[in-house]
Amino acid sequence: MRMLRDIPRSVLWLLADDPASIGNLKGGAAARGIDPGRLVFAPRTTLPDHLARHALADVCLDTLPYNAHTTASDALWMGVPVVTCTGNTFAGRVAASLLYAIGLPELVTSSLANYEALALNLARDPAALAAIKAKLRGNRDAMPLFAIQRFTRHLEAAYVTMHERQQKGLAPAAFAVDEIRTEAKAR
C-alpha cells in the first residue's frame, strides 16, 4: 500500500481467484486511503493469454514468505523484471535463484526495506527500468535459466558420467559436468 501511495498512477495487478480475498484486499486498500480500483484483479486464463498480458506490466513484485516460482519464470520469459527479497526457506528463495540464473542479481534484496526501495526506484526512474529490461532481454537466451538445450546436454553428460562410474565399479561421488565435453557431443 505504501508503494501505491508513493507512486500515484500505479496499480497492483493480482490474481482474481477468491472473492473473499478480493474483498479483503479492496477493503484494506480503502482503509489505507488507496482507491480500491487501483487493485486490478485478473482471472485465470489460457497460457498464451496469460503470457501475453505480461507485456502490460512494468515490474513483477515478488512475495514473502513464499516466492513466485512459475510466475517469476513467466515474467522473466516475457521480459518483465522481478524484484525479490530473499527468504529463509527454499520456498522463499526461488525467485532469487531464478534472477541469479538469468544474470540479474541486482534485483535480489536481503531486507523488506531494500525491496521496497528498489521497487520504488525502478518505478520512479524510467531509464533504470529500461536498462534492467534491456539486460533481461539480452540475457534471456544467453544465461542458464532458459538455455534448455545446454541444460539437456549437461544433464545427458551427467548421466553418461554416472553410468561410466558405475560400470567401472566406482562409488557415487560429486563431479562437475565438463562444458567442453558437452559442447563437443552437441556437434
Protein backbone atom coordinates (compact mmCIF):
# COMPACT_ATOMS: atom_id res chain seq x y z
CA MET A 1 0.00 0.00 0.00
CA ARG A 2 2.95 2.32 0.67
CA MET A 3 4.18 1.76 -2.87
CA LEU A 4 0.73 2.50 -4.29
CA ARG A 5 0.64 5.66 -2.16
CA ASP A 6 4.13 6.73 -3.25
CA ILE A 7 3.59 6.02 -6.98
CA PRO A 8 0.23 7.75 -7.58
CA ARG A 9 -0.63 6.37 -11.05
CA SER A 10 0.49 2.81 -10.30
CA VAL A 11 -1.74 -0.23 -9.95
CA LEU A 12 -1.22 -3.58 -8.29
CA TRP A 13 -2.18 -6.47 -10.55
CA LEU A 14 -3.28 -9.62 -8.73
CA LEU A 15 -4.89 -12.97 -9.45
CA ALA A 16 -8.69 -12.96 -9.18
CA ASP A 17 -9.01 -16.36 -7.57
CA ASP A 18 -11.02 -15.92 -4.39
CA PRO A 19 -13.89 -13.43 -3.93
CA ALA A 20 -13.30 -13.19 -0.16
CA SER A 21 -9.62 -12.31 -0.69
CA ILE A 22 -10.54 -9.71 -3.30
CA GLY A 23 -12.98 -8.11 -0.87
CA ASN A 24 -10.42 -8.16 1.95
CA LEU A 25 -7.71 -6.61 -0.23
CA LYS A 26 -10.00 -3.89 -1.54
CA GLY A 27 -11.16 -3.16 1.99
CA GLY A 28 -7.57 -3.00 3.20
CA ALA A 29 -6.68 -0.57 0.42
CA ALA A 30 -9.63 1.69 1.21
CA ALA A 31 -8.75 1.65 4.92
CA ARG A 32 -5.29 2.94 3.99
CA GLY A 33 -6.60 5.70 1.75
CA ILE A 34 -5.85 3.88 -1.51
CA ASP A 35 -8.54 3.72 -4.20
CA PRO A 36 -9.54 0.02 -4.33
CA GLY A 37 -9.85 0.43 -8.11
CA ARG A 38 -6.05 0.54 -8.23
CA LEU A 39 -6.05 -3.15 -7.35
CA VAL A 40 -6.57 -4.89 -10.68
CA PHE A 41 -7.74 -8.49 -10.45
CA ALA A 42 -7.07 -10.71 -13.45
CA PRO A 43 -8.91 -14.01 -13.85
CA ARG A 44 -7.17 -17.25 -14.75
CA THR A 45 -6.83 -17.66 -18.50
CA THR A 46 -5.06 -19.73 -21.12
CA LEU A 47 -1.26 -19.84 -21.02
CA PRO A 48 -0.82 -17.81 -24.24
CA ASP A 49 -3.16 -15.09 -22.93
CA HIS A 50 -1.51 -15.18 -19.51
CA LEU A 51 1.93 -14.71 -21.05
CA ALA A 52 0.71 -12.04 -23.47
CA ARG A 53 -0.73 -9.84 -20.75
CA HIS A 54 2.72 -9.63 -19.14
CA ALA A 55 3.54 -7.06 -21.82
CA LEU A 56 1.36 -4.63 -19.84
CA ALA A 57 3.42 -4.91 -16.65
CA ASP A 58 6.45 -2.81 -15.79
CA VAL A 59 7.79 -4.93 -12.95
CA CYS A 60 6.78 -8.03 -11.01
CA LEU A 61 6.84 -7.64 -7.22
CA ASP A 62 7.66 -10.95 -5.60
CA THR A 63 6.12 -12.08 -2.31
CA LEU A 64 7.38 -13.37 1.02
CA PRO A 65 7.45 -15.77 2.72
CA TYR A 66 6.53 -17.77 -0.39
CA ASN A 67 8.32 -16.52 -3.53
CA ALA A 68 7.00 -16.63 -7.06
CA HIS A 69 8.01 -19.82 -8.83
CA THR A 70 6.29 -20.27 -12.20
CA THR A 71 5.00 -16.69 -12.01
CA ALA A 72 8.56 -15.35 -11.79
CA SER A 73 9.70 -17.61 -14.63
CA ASP A 74 6.79 -16.45 -16.79
CA ALA A 75 7.50 -12.79 -16.04
CA LEU A 76 11.22 -13.12 -16.83
CA TRP A 77 10.50 -15.07 -20.03
CA MET A 78 8.22 -12.25 -21.16
CA GLY A 79 10.78 -9.54 -20.30
CA VAL A 80 9.30 -8.30 -17.04
CA PRO A 81 11.88 -7.74 -14.28
CA VAL A 82 11.16 -9.39 -10.92
CA VAL A 83 12.08 -7.65 -7.65
CA THR A 84 12.50 -10.10 -4.77
CA CYS A 85 13.54 -10.29 -1.15
CA THR A 86 15.35 -13.48 -0.23
CA GLY A 87 13.57 -15.52 2.41
CA ASN A 88 14.83 -18.09 4.89
CA THR A 89 13.32 -21.21 3.29
CA PHE A 90 13.51 -22.91 -0.08
CA ALA A 91 10.08 -21.53 -1.00
CA GLY A 92 11.29 -18.04 -0.10
CA ARG A 93 14.46 -18.22 -2.20
CA VAL A 94 13.20 -19.44 -5.59
CA ALA A 95 12.90 -16.05 -7.29
CA ALA A 96 16.42 -15.13 -6.15
CA SER A 97 17.73 -18.33 -7.74
CA LEU A 98 15.91 -17.51 -10.98
CA LEU A 99 17.32 -13.97 -11.01
CA TYR A 100 20.87 -15.23 -10.45
CA ALA A 101 20.40 -17.78 -13.23
CA ILE A 102 19.38 -15.03 -15.66
CA GLY A 103 22.16 -12.67 -14.60
CA LEU A 104 20.09 -10.12 -12.65
CA PRO A 105 21.36 -10.38 -9.06
CA GLU A 106 20.80 -6.63 -8.67
CA LEU A 107 17.06 -7.38 -8.36
CA VAL A 108 17.61 -9.58 -5.28
CA THR A 109 17.37 -7.80 -1.92
CA SER A 110 18.01 -9.05 1.61
CA SER A 111 15.51 -6.93 3.53
CA LEU A 112 11.98 -5.68 3.01
CA ALA A 113 13.21 -2.09 3.31
CA ASN A 114 15.68 -2.66 0.44
CA TYR A 115 13.00 -4.48 -1.54
CA GLU A 116 10.62 -1.54 -1.24
CA ALA A 117 13.39 0.98 -2.04
CA LEU A 118 14.43 -0.94 -5.17
CA ALA A 119 10.84 -1.26 -6.40
CA LEU A 120 10.24 2.45 -5.82
CA ASN A 121 13.48 3.36 -7.59
CA LEU A 122 12.53 1.33 -10.67
CA ALA A 123 9.04 2.89 -10.68
CA ARG A 124 10.45 6.41 -10.42
CA ASP A 125 13.42 6.04 -12.78
CA PRO A 126 12.29 5.03 -16.30
CA ALA A 127 15.91 4.92 -17.51
CA ALA A 128 16.92 2.46 -14.77
CA LEU A 129 13.89 0.28 -15.52
CA ALA A 130 14.66 0.39 -19.26
CA ALA A 131 18.26 -0.63 -18.59
CA ILE A 132 17.14 -3.61 -16.49
CA LYS A 133 14.64 -4.64 -19.18
CA ALA A 134 17.33 -4.37 -21.86
CA LYS A 135 19.69 -6.51 -19.78
CA LEU A 136 16.91 -9.05 -19.24
CA ARG A 137 16.21 -9.22 -22.99
CA GLY A 138 19.91 -9.70 -23.71
CA ASN A 139 20.33 -12.36 -21.03
CA ARG A 140 17.20 -14.35 -21.79
CA ASP A 141 18.80 -16.57 -24.41
CA ALA A 142 22.39 -16.34 -23.18
CA MET A 143 22.15 -17.18 -19.48
CA PRO A 144 21.43 -20.60 -17.95
CA LEU A 145 17.82 -20.01 -16.86
CA PHE A 146 16.23 -20.55 -20.28
CA ALA A 147 19.13 -22.36 -22.01
CA ILE A 148 17.16 -25.59 -22.35
CA GLN A 149 19.42 -27.20 -24.96
CA ARG A 150 22.53 -26.55 -22.84
CA PHE A 151 20.74 -27.90 -19.76
CA THR A 152 19.77 -31.02 -21.72
CA ARG A 153 23.39 -31.55 -22.87
CA HIS A 154 24.65 -31.11 -19.31
CA LEU A 155 22.06 -33.50 -17.91
CA GLU A 156 22.90 -36.09 -20.57
CA ALA A 157 26.62 -35.70 -19.82
CA ALA A 158 25.91 -36.16 -16.10
CA TYR A 159 24.02 -39.37 -16.83
CA VAL A 160 26.86 -40.66 -19.01
CA THR A 161 29.41 -39.84 -16.30
CA MET A 162 27.31 -41.59 -13.63
CA HIS A 163 26.89 -44.63 -15.87
CA GLU A 164 30.63 -44.75 -16.66
CA ARG A 165 31.46 -44.56 -12.94
CA GLN A 166 29.01 -47.34 -12.18
CA GLN A 167 30.43 -49.52 -14.98
CA LYS A 168 33.94 -49.08 -13.52
CA GLY A 169 32.66 -50.13 -10.08
CA LEU A 170 33.29 -46.69 -8.59
CA ALA A 171 31.22 -45.39 -5.70
CA PRO A 172 28.90 -42.45 -6.27
CA ALA A 173 30.79 -39.15 -5.98
CA ALA A 174 30.37 -35.49 -6.75
CA PHE A 175 31.60 -34.29 -10.14
CA ALA A 176 31.34 -31.30 -12.43
CA VAL A 177 29.95 -31.52 -15.93
CA ASP A 178 32.69 -30.68 -18.41
CA GLU A 179 31.47 -27.86 -20.69
CA ILE A 180 33.89 -28.89 -23.45
CA ARG A 181 32.68 -32.48 -23.37
CA THR A 182 29.01 -31.46 -23.61
CA GLU A 183 29.71 -28.91 -26.36
CA ALA A 184 31.66 -31.46 -28.41
CA LYS A 185 28.86 -34.01 -28.15
CA ALA A 186 26.33 -31.39 -29.24
CA ARG A 187 28.05 -31.06 -32.60
